[in-house]
Amino acid sequence: MALYAIGDLHLSLSVDKPMDIFGEAWVQHEEKIKESWLAQVSEEDMVLIPGDISWATTFEDAKVDLAWIDALPGTKVLLRGNHDYWWTSLKRMNEAFPNMVFIQNNFYEYKTHIICGTRGWICPTKQNFDAHDEKIYKRELIRLKLSLDSAKKATDKPILVITHYPPTNDSFEPSGFTEIYESYGVEKVIYGHLHTEVSFKCGLQGEHGGVDYHLVSSDYVQFQLQKILD
């Protein structure tokens, strides 16, 4: 049983939102993802999807994209991204897709690890961080702690975190997120959100403060699923 990850699928099977307007790499990108998925993932494996899953704005429209994911092999763990406006209550999503896992203030127990997470938000900078940003930033820190605390009470297994936003600002300054990851002894953090070569350079990667960070935006990983754990 292996653990894979890929973020920012940006599926649009039920809405008119072609991704190829963002460059040639995005032409039929969903077919590239599917090909990689089928080549690597078995039914016993798990795939983490840290946000920006569907361009749909309603859950009914998103069902087409979610069904596309559901039909692929393995257990899927999904997290909300900043473009996932369709995201609804856990009850409604779980009832519609009982074989997929939706992370929201909760956790999921993997074979050897616990998977926690929250969407995250942009981290404080000297510029372009206002009172609205601060409010959401602090709320996301609380949600992250809720997920981690619930996991800690249930088991002492090592923790993986999936989050949509990067854990720091583009200057790689410590944030409330990195402080929480380090204080809770999180082993790995998997995130997406960043696009374009310039943005990719702003994503914290590798080991920092004892935490291993992975950027898995689909265009960054060239639409290939990334193995996180064997």
C-alpha atoms as a PDB file:
ATOM      1  CA  MET A   1       0.000   0.000   0.000  1.00  0.00           C
ATOM      2  CA  ALA A   2       1.688   3.198  -1.237  1.00  0.00           C
ATOM      3  CA  LEU A   3       0.752   6.838  -0.702  1.00  0.00           C
ATOM      4  CA  TYR A   4       0.693   9.280  -3.635  1.00  0.00           C
ATOM      5  CA  ALA A   5      -0.196  12.961  -4.001  1.00  0.00           C
ATOM      6  CA  ILE A   6      -1.157  15.441  -6.689  1.00  0.00           C
ATOM      7  CA  GLY A   7      -2.867  18.815  -6.278  1.00  0.00           C
ATOM      8  CA  ASP A   8      -4.687  21.391  -8.367  1.00  0.00           C
ATOM      9  CA  LEU A   9      -6.471  19.032 -10.734  1.00  0.00           C
ATOM     10  CA  HIS A  10      -8.683  21.925 -11.899  1.00  0.00           C
ATOM     11  CA  LEU A  11     -11.181  19.598 -13.529  1.00  0.00           C
ATOM     12  CA  SER A  12     -13.990  21.131 -15.579  1.00  0.00           C
ATOM     13  CA  LEU A  13     -15.953  18.239 -17.026  1.00  0.00           C
ATOM     14  CA  SER A  14     -19.305  19.936 -16.365  1.00  0.00           C
ATOM     15  CA  VAL A  15     -18.385  23.604 -16.823  1.00  0.00           C
ATOM     16  CA  ASP A  16     -16.757  25.601 -19.618  1.00  0.00           C
ATOM     17  CA  LYS A  17     -13.378  26.335 -18.029  1.00  0.00           C
ATOM     18  CA  PRO A  18     -10.625  24.979 -20.297  1.00  0.00           C
ATOM     19  CA  MET A  19      -7.202  25.029 -18.634  1.00  0.00           C
ATOM     20  CA  ASP A  20      -5.252  25.235 -21.891  1.00  0.00           C
ATOM     21  CA  ILE A  21      -5.695  29.023 -21.786  1.00  0.00           C
ATOM     22  CA  PHE A  22      -2.892  28.876 -19.203  1.00  0.00           C
ATOM     23  CA  GLY A  23      -0.424  27.322 -21.617  1.00  0.00           C
ATOM     24  CA  GLU A  24       0.342  24.319 -23.770  1.00  0.00           C
ATOM     25  CA  ALA A  25       1.240  22.181 -20.745  1.00  0.00           C
ATOM     26  CA  TRP A  26      -2.426  22.222 -19.716  1.00  0.00           C
ATOM     27  CA  VAL A  27      -3.750  20.808 -23.004  1.00  0.00           C
ATOM     28  CA  GLN A  28      -5.777  17.685 -22.068  1.00  0.00           C
ATOM     29  CA  HIS A  29      -4.120  17.787 -18.660  1.00  0.00           C
ATOM     30  CA  GLU A  30      -6.773  15.539 -17.119  1.00  0.00           C
ATOM     31  CA  GLU A  31      -5.763  12.753 -19.519  1.00  0.00           C
ATOM     32  CA  LYS A  32      -2.124  13.111 -18.434  1.00  0.00           C
ATOM     33  CA  ILE A  33      -3.173  12.824 -14.794  1.00  0.00           C
ATOM     34  CA  LYS A  34      -5.352   9.798 -15.525  1.00  0.00           C
ATOM     35  CA  GLU A  35      -2.577   8.062 -17.450  1.00  0.00           C
ATOM     36  CA  SER A  36      -0.096   8.597 -14.613  1.00  0.00           C
ATOM     37  CA  TRP A  37      -2.685   7.504 -12.039  1.00  0.00           C
ATOM     38  CA  LEU A  38      -3.542   4.246 -13.839  1.00  0.00           C
ATOM     39  CA  ALA A  39       0.130   3.447 -14.370  1.00  0.00           C
ATOM     40  CA  GLN A  40       1.046   3.763 -10.680  1.00  0.00           C
ATOM     41  CA  VAL A  41      -1.902   3.418  -8.324  1.00  0.00           C
ATOM     42  CA  SER A  42      -3.530   0.159  -7.270  1.00  0.00           C
ATOM     43  CA  GLU A  43      -6.776  -0.280  -5.339  1.00  0.00           C
ATOM     44  CA  GLU A  44      -4.751  -0.791  -2.156  1.00  0.00           C
ATOM     45  CA  ASP A  45      -2.975   2.576  -2.529  1.00  0.00           C
ATOM     46  CA  MET A  46      -4.028   6.049  -1.406  1.00  0.00           C
ATOM     47  CA  VAL A  47      -3.920   9.402  -3.229  1.00  0.00           C
ATOM     48  CA  LEU A  48      -3.878  12.789  -1.469  1.00  0.00           C
ATOM     49  CA  ILE A  49      -5.472  15.698  -3.384  1.00  0.00           C
ATOM     50  CA  PRO A  50      -4.725  19.009  -1.604  1.00  0.00           C
ATOM     51  CA  GLY A  51      -7.284  21.308  -3.159  1.00  0.00           C
ATOM     52  CA  ASP A  52      -8.425  23.106  -6.306  1.00  0.00           C
ATOM     53  CA  ILE A  53     -10.118  19.960  -7.463  1.00  0.00           C
ATOM     54  CA  SER A  54     -12.967  21.268  -9.635  1.00  0.00           C
ATOM     55  CA  TRP A  55     -13.930  24.559 -11.289  1.00  0.00           C
ATOM     56  CA  ALA A  56     -17.591  23.845 -10.579  1.00  0.00           C
ATOM     57  CA  THR A  57     -19.374  26.355  -8.349  1.00  0.00           C
ATOM     58  CA  THR A  58     -22.123  24.010  -7.112  1.00  0.00           C
ATOM     59  CA  PHE A  59     -21.896  20.537  -5.636  1.00  0.00           C
ATOM     60  CA  GLU A  60     -24.261  19.181  -8.273  1.00  0.00           C
ATOM     61  CA  ASP A  61     -21.942  20.347 -11.039  1.00  0.00           C
ATOM     62  CA  ALA A  62     -18.861  19.125  -9.151  1.00  0.00           C
ATOM     63  CA  LYS A  63     -20.278  15.602  -8.954  1.00  0.00           C
ATOM     64  CA  VAL A  64     -19.140  14.922 -12.513  1.00  0.00           C
ATOM     65  CA  ASP A  65     -15.539  15.751 -11.626  1.00  0.00           C
ATOM     66  CA  LEU A  66     -15.709  13.930  -8.301  1.00  0.00           C
ATOM     67  CA  ALA A  67     -17.124  10.847 -10.028  1.00  0.00           C
ATOM     68  CA  TRP A  68     -14.182  10.970 -12.449  1.00  0.00           C
ATOM     69  CA  ILE A  69     -11.803  10.865  -9.477  1.00  0.00           C
ATOM     70  CA  ASP A  70     -13.881   8.248  -7.657  1.00  0.00           C
ATOM     71  CA  ALA A  71     -13.646   5.876 -10.628  1.00  0.00           C
ATOM     72  CA  LEU A  72      -9.847   5.837 -10.504  1.00  0.00           C
ATOM     73  CA  PRO A  73      -7.996   3.236  -8.395  1.00  0.00           C
ATOM     74  CA  GLY A  74      -7.167   3.679  -4.726  1.00  0.00           C
ATOM     75  CA  THR A  75      -8.559   5.541  -1.752  1.00  0.00           C
ATOM     76  CA  LYS A  76      -8.732   9.302  -2.315  1.00  0.00           C
ATOM     77  CA  VAL A  77      -8.290  11.928   0.404  1.00  0.00           C
ATOM     78  CA  LEU A  78      -9.539  15.369  -0.682  1.00  0.00           C
ATOM     79  CA  LEU A  79      -9.025  18.819   0.809  1.00  0.00           C
ATOM     80  CA  ARG A  80     -10.655  22.111  -0.136  1.00  0.00           C
ATOM     81  CA  GLY A  81      -8.703  24.651  -2.202  1.00  0.00           C
ATOM     82  CA  ASN A  82      -9.373  28.350  -2.732  1.00  0.00           C
ATOM     83  CA  HIS A  83     -11.229  27.640  -6.011  1.00  0.00           C
ATOM     84  CA  ASP A  84     -13.384  24.809  -4.676  1.00  0.00           C
ATOM     85  CA  TYR A  85     -16.545  26.887  -4.305  1.00  0.00           C
ATOM     86  CA  TRP A  86     -18.644  23.734  -4.682  1.00  0.00           C
ATOM     87  CA  TRP A  87     -17.368  22.322  -1.368  1.00  0.00           C
ATOM     88  CA  THR A  88     -20.310  21.608   0.930  1.00  0.00           C
ATOM     89  CA  SER A  89     -20.961  19.847   4.250  1.00  0.00           C
ATOM     90  CA  LEU A  90     -19.052  16.689   5.122  1.00  0.00           C
ATOM     91  CA  LYS A  91     -22.358  14.874   5.545  1.00  0.00           C
ATOM     92  CA  ARG A  92     -23.493  15.686   2.033  1.00  0.00           C
ATOM     93  CA  MET A  93     -20.147  14.855   0.429  1.00  0.00           C
ATOM     94  CA  ASN A  94     -19.750  11.613   2.382  1.00  0.00           C
ATOM     95  CA  GLU A  95     -23.245  10.485   1.447  1.00  0.00           C
ATOM     96  CA  ALA A  96     -22.636  11.150  -2.255  1.00  0.00           C
ATOM     97  CA  PHE A  97     -19.120   9.650  -2.319  1.00  0.00           C
ATOM     98  CA  PRO A  98     -18.762   7.173   0.556  1.00  0.00           C
ATOM     99  CA  ASN A  99     -15.541   5.729  -0.858  1.00  0.00           C
ATOM    100  CA  MET A 100     -13.688   9.054  -0.757  1.00  0.00           C
ATOM    101  CA  VAL A 101     -12.353  10.913   2.282  1.00  0.00           C
ATOM    102  CA  PHE A 102     -12.955  14.637   2.779  1.00  0.00           C
ATOM    103  CA  ILE A 103     -10.676  16.402   5.283  1.00  0.00           C
ATOM    104  CA  GLN A 104     -12.225  19.329   7.181  1.00  0.00           C
ATOM    105  CA  ASN A 105     -11.329  19.800  10.875  1.00  0.00           C
ATOM    106  CA  ASN A 106     -10.954  16.027  11.092  1.00  0.00           C
ATOM    107  CA  PHE A 107      -8.340  13.380  10.299  1.00  0.00           C
ATOM    108  CA  TYR A 108      -7.965  10.073   8.489  1.00  0.00           C
ATOM    109  CA  GLU A 109      -5.997   7.082   9.698  1.00  0.00           C
ATOM    110  CA  TYR A 110      -3.681   5.685   7.053  1.00  0.00           C
ATOM    111  CA  LYS A 111      -1.840   2.366   7.414  1.00  0.00           C
ATOM    112  CA  THR A 112       1.174   3.785   9.236  1.00  0.00           C
ATOM    113  CA  HIS A 113       0.291   7.485   9.543  1.00  0.00           C
ATOM    114  CA  ILE A 114      -2.440   9.941  10.415  1.00  0.00           C
ATOM    115  CA  ILE A 115      -3.524  12.419   7.740  1.00  0.00           C
ATOM    116  CA  CYS A 116      -4.615  15.856   8.980  1.00  0.00           C
ATOM    117  CA  GLY A 117      -5.136  19.159   7.217  1.00  0.00           C
ATOM    118  CA  THR A 118      -6.805  22.437   6.479  1.00  0.00           C
ATOM    119  CA  ARG A 119      -6.949  24.743   3.455  1.00  0.00           C
ATOM    120  CA  GLY A 120      -4.479  27.305   4.836  1.00  0.00           C
ATOM    121  CA  TRP A 121      -4.107  30.881   3.649  1.00  0.00           C
ATOM    122  CA  ILE A 122      -1.475  33.345   2.487  1.00  0.00           C
ATOM    123  CA  CYS A 123       1.108  33.975   5.194  1.00  0.00           C
ATOM    124  CA  PRO A 124       1.926  37.428   6.624  1.00  0.00           C
ATOM    125  CA  THR A 125       4.232  39.676   4.637  1.00  0.00           C
ATOM    126  CA  LYS A 126       5.309  43.291   4.993  1.00  0.00           C
ATOM    127  CA  GLN A 127       3.030  44.138   2.082  1.00  0.00           C
ATOM    128  CA  ASN A 128      -0.289  42.858   0.703  1.00  0.00           C
ATOM    129  CA  PHE A 129      -1.542  41.333   3.957  1.00  0.00           C
ATOM    130  CA  ASP A 130      -4.585  43.162   5.313  1.00  0.00           C
ATOM    131  CA  ALA A 131      -7.053  42.702   8.169  1.00  0.00           C
ATOM    132  CA  HIS A 132      -9.194  40.377   6.045  1.00  0.00           C
ATOM    133  CA  ASP A 133      -6.179  38.164   5.360  1.00  0.00           C
ATOM    134  CA  GLU A 134      -5.242  38.133   9.034  1.00  0.00           C
ATOM    135  CA  LYS A 135      -8.750  37.011  10.023  1.00  0.00           C
ATOM    136  CA  ILE A 136      -8.715  34.059   7.627  1.00  0.00           C
ATOM    137  CA  TYR A 137      -5.090  33.226   8.455  1.00  0.00           C
ATOM    138  CA  LYS A 138      -5.868  32.959  12.186  1.00  0.00           C
ATOM    139  CA  ARG A 139      -9.011  30.934  11.502  1.00  0.00           C
ATOM    140  CA  GLU A 140      -7.034  28.448   9.430  1.00  0.00           C
ATOM    141  CA  LEU A 141      -4.470  28.074  12.219  1.00  0.00           C
ATOM    142  CA  ILE A 142      -7.323  27.164  14.561  1.00  0.00           C
ATOM    143  CA  ARG A 143      -8.717  24.654  12.072  1.00  0.00           C
ATOM    144  CA  LEU A 144      -5.288  23.074  11.659  1.00  0.00           C
ATOM    145  CA  LYS A 145      -4.987  22.655  15.425  1.00  0.00           C
ATOM    146  CA  LEU A 146      -8.464  21.105  15.590  1.00  0.00           C
ATOM    147  CA  SER A 147      -7.441  18.503  13.038  1.00  0.00           C
ATOM    148  CA  LEU A 148      -4.128  17.781  14.765  1.00  0.00           C
ATOM    149  CA  ASP A 149      -5.589  17.697  18.275  1.00  0.00           C
ATOM    150  CA  SER A 150      -8.298  15.238  17.256  1.00  0.00           C
ATOM    151  CA  ALA A 151      -5.646  12.988  15.703  1.00  0.00           C
ATOM    152  CA  LYS A 152      -3.343  13.206  18.720  1.00  0.00           C
ATOM    153  CA  LYS A 153      -6.176  12.086  21.005  1.00  0.00           C
ATOM    154  CA  ALA A 154      -6.872   9.071  18.824  1.00  0.00           C
ATOM    155  CA  THR A 155      -3.410   7.665  18.132  1.00  0.00           C
ATOM    156  CA  ASP A 156       0.322   8.238  18.394  1.00  0.00           C
ATOM    157  CA  LYS A 157       1.039   7.413  14.750  1.00  0.00           C
ATOM    158  CA  PRO A 158       3.265   9.864  12.788  1.00  0.00           C
ATOM    159  CA  ILE A 159       1.345  12.749  11.190  1.00  0.00           C
ATOM    160  CA  LEU A 160       1.107  13.896   7.576  1.00  0.00           C
ATOM    161  CA  VAL A 161      -0.596  17.213   6.782  1.00  0.00           C
ATOM    162  CA  ILE A 162      -2.250  18.172   3.512  1.00  0.00           C
ATOM    163  CA  THR A 163      -2.946  21.847   2.947  1.00  0.00           C
ATOM    164  CA  HIS A 164      -3.684  23.863  -0.150  1.00  0.00           C
ATOM    165  CA  TYR A 165      -1.613  26.994   0.440  1.00  0.00           C
ATOM    166  CA  PRO A 166       2.168  26.999   0.896  1.00  0.00           C
ATOM    167  CA  PRO A 167       3.353  27.032   4.533  1.00  0.00           C
ATOM    168  CA  THR A 168       5.304  30.315   4.322  1.00  0.00           C
ATOM    169  CA  ASN A 169       5.386  33.564   2.397  1.00  0.00           C
ATOM    170  CA  ASP A 170       7.624  33.928  -0.644  1.00  0.00           C
ATOM    171  CA  SER A 171      10.553  34.950   1.583  1.00  0.00           C
ATOM    172  CA  PHE A 172      10.334  31.629   3.436  1.00  0.00           C
ATOM    173  CA  GLU A 173       9.856  33.349   6.792  1.00  0.00           C
ATOM    174  CA  PRO A 174       8.524  31.154   9.637  1.00  0.00           C
ATOM    175  CA  SER A 175       4.745  31.304   9.962  1.00  0.00           C
ATOM    176  CA  GLY A 176       2.051  30.171  12.359  1.00  0.00           C
ATOM    177  CA  PHE A 177       1.714  27.100  10.156  1.00  0.00           C
ATOM    178  CA  THR A 178       5.377  26.106  10.310  1.00  0.00           C
ATOM    179  CA  GLU A 179       5.391  26.703  14.064  1.00  0.00           C
ATOM    180  CA  ILE A 180       2.420  24.370  14.505  1.00  0.00           C
ATOM    181  CA  TYR A 181       3.930  21.708  12.245  1.00  0.00           C
ATOM    182  CA  GLU A 182       7.145  21.731  14.246  1.00  0.00           C
ATOM    183  CA  SER A 183       5.489  21.839  17.682  1.00  0.00           C
ATOM    184  CA  TYR A 184       3.195  18.908  16.818  1.00  0.00           C
ATOM    185  CA  GLY A 185       6.029  16.881  15.322  1.00  0.00           C
ATOM    186  CA  VAL A 186       4.451  16.668  11.866  1.00  0.00           C
ATOM    187  CA  GLU A 187       6.525  14.418   9.610  1.00  0.00           C
ATOM    188  CA  LYS A 188       5.496  15.678   6.150  1.00  0.00           C
ATOM    189  CA  VAL A 189       3.436  18.535   4.686  1.00  0.00           C
ATOM    190  CA  ILE A 190       1.979  18.208   1.178  1.00  0.00           C
ATOM    191  CA  TYR A 191       0.582  21.298  -0.537  1.00  0.00           C
ATOM    192  CA  GLY A 192      -0.211  22.871  -3.911  1.00  0.00           C
ATOM    193  CA  HIS A 193      -1.660  26.236  -5.065  1.00  0.00           C
ATOM    194  CA  LEU A 194       1.510  27.547  -6.731  1.00  0.00           C
ATOM    195  CA  HIS A 195       1.660  27.852 -10.525  1.00  0.00           C
ATOM    196  CA  THR A 196       4.242  29.194 -13.017  1.00  0.00           C
ATOM    197  CA  GLU A 197       8.012  28.940 -12.773  1.00  0.00           C
ATOM    198  CA  VAL A 198       8.248  32.141 -10.739  1.00  0.00           C
ATOM    199  CA  SER A 199       5.771  30.883  -8.141  1.00  0.00           C
ATOM    200  CA  PHE A 200       7.333  27.440  -7.939  1.00  0.00           C
ATOM    201  CA  LYS A 201      10.496  29.051  -6.570  1.00  0.00           C
ATOM    202  CA  CYS A 202       8.446  30.513  -3.704  1.00  0.00           C
ATOM    203  CA  GLY A 203       7.409  27.124  -2.336  1.00  0.00           C
ATOM    204  CA  LEU A 204       9.202  25.695   0.668  1.00  0.00           C
ATOM    205  CA  GLN A 205      10.536  22.233  -0.127  1.00  0.00           C
ATOM    206  CA  GLY A 206      12.656  19.602   1.555  1.00  0.00           C
ATOM    207  CA  GLU A 207      13.356  19.348   5.262  1.00  0.00           C
ATOM    208  CA  HIS A 208      13.005  22.449   7.428  1.00  0.00           C
ATOM    209  CA  GLY A 209      12.697  22.391  11.199  1.00  0.00           C
ATOM    210  CA  GLY A 210      12.357  18.631  11.135  1.00  0.00           C
ATOM    211  CA  VAL A 211       9.398  18.746   8.713  1.00  0.00           C
ATOM    212  CA  ASP A 212       9.569  17.470   5.118  1.00  0.00           C
ATOM    213  CA  TYR A 213       7.694  19.749   2.678  1.00  0.00           C
ATOM    214  CA  HIS A 214       6.359  18.653  -0.742  1.00  0.00           C
ATOM    215  CA  LEU A 215       4.917  20.911  -3.465  1.00  0.00           C
ATOM    216  CA  VAL A 216       2.589  18.832  -5.663  1.00  0.00           C
ATOM    217  CA  SER A 217       0.725  21.324  -7.882  1.00  0.00           C
ATOM    218  CA  SER A 218      -0.156  19.279 -10.961  1.00  0.00           C
ATOM    219  CA  ASP A 219       1.704  21.508 -13.401  1.00  0.00           C
ATOM    220  CA  TYR A 220       4.773  21.596 -11.119  1.00  0.00           C
ATOM    221  CA  VAL A 221       4.941  17.786 -11.105  1.00  0.00           C
ATOM    222  CA  GLN A 222       4.114  17.710 -14.832  1.00  0.00           C
ATOM    223  CA  PHE A 223       0.760  16.036 -14.109  1.00  0.00           C
ATOM    224  CA  GLN A 224       2.482  12.956 -12.669  1.00  0.00           C
ATOM    225  CA  LEU A 225       1.394  11.567  -9.311  1.00  0.00           C
ATOM    226  CA  GLN A 226       4.156  11.778  -6.715  1.00  0.00           C
ATOM    227  CA  LYS A 227       4.918   8.878  -4.376  1.00  0.00           C
ATOM    228  CA  ILE A 228       5.100  10.167  -0.813  1.00  0.00           C
ATOM    229  CA  LEU A 229       5.377   6.876   1.091  1.00  0.00           C
ATOM    230  CA  ASP A 230       5.865   3.250   0.088  1.00  0.00           C
END
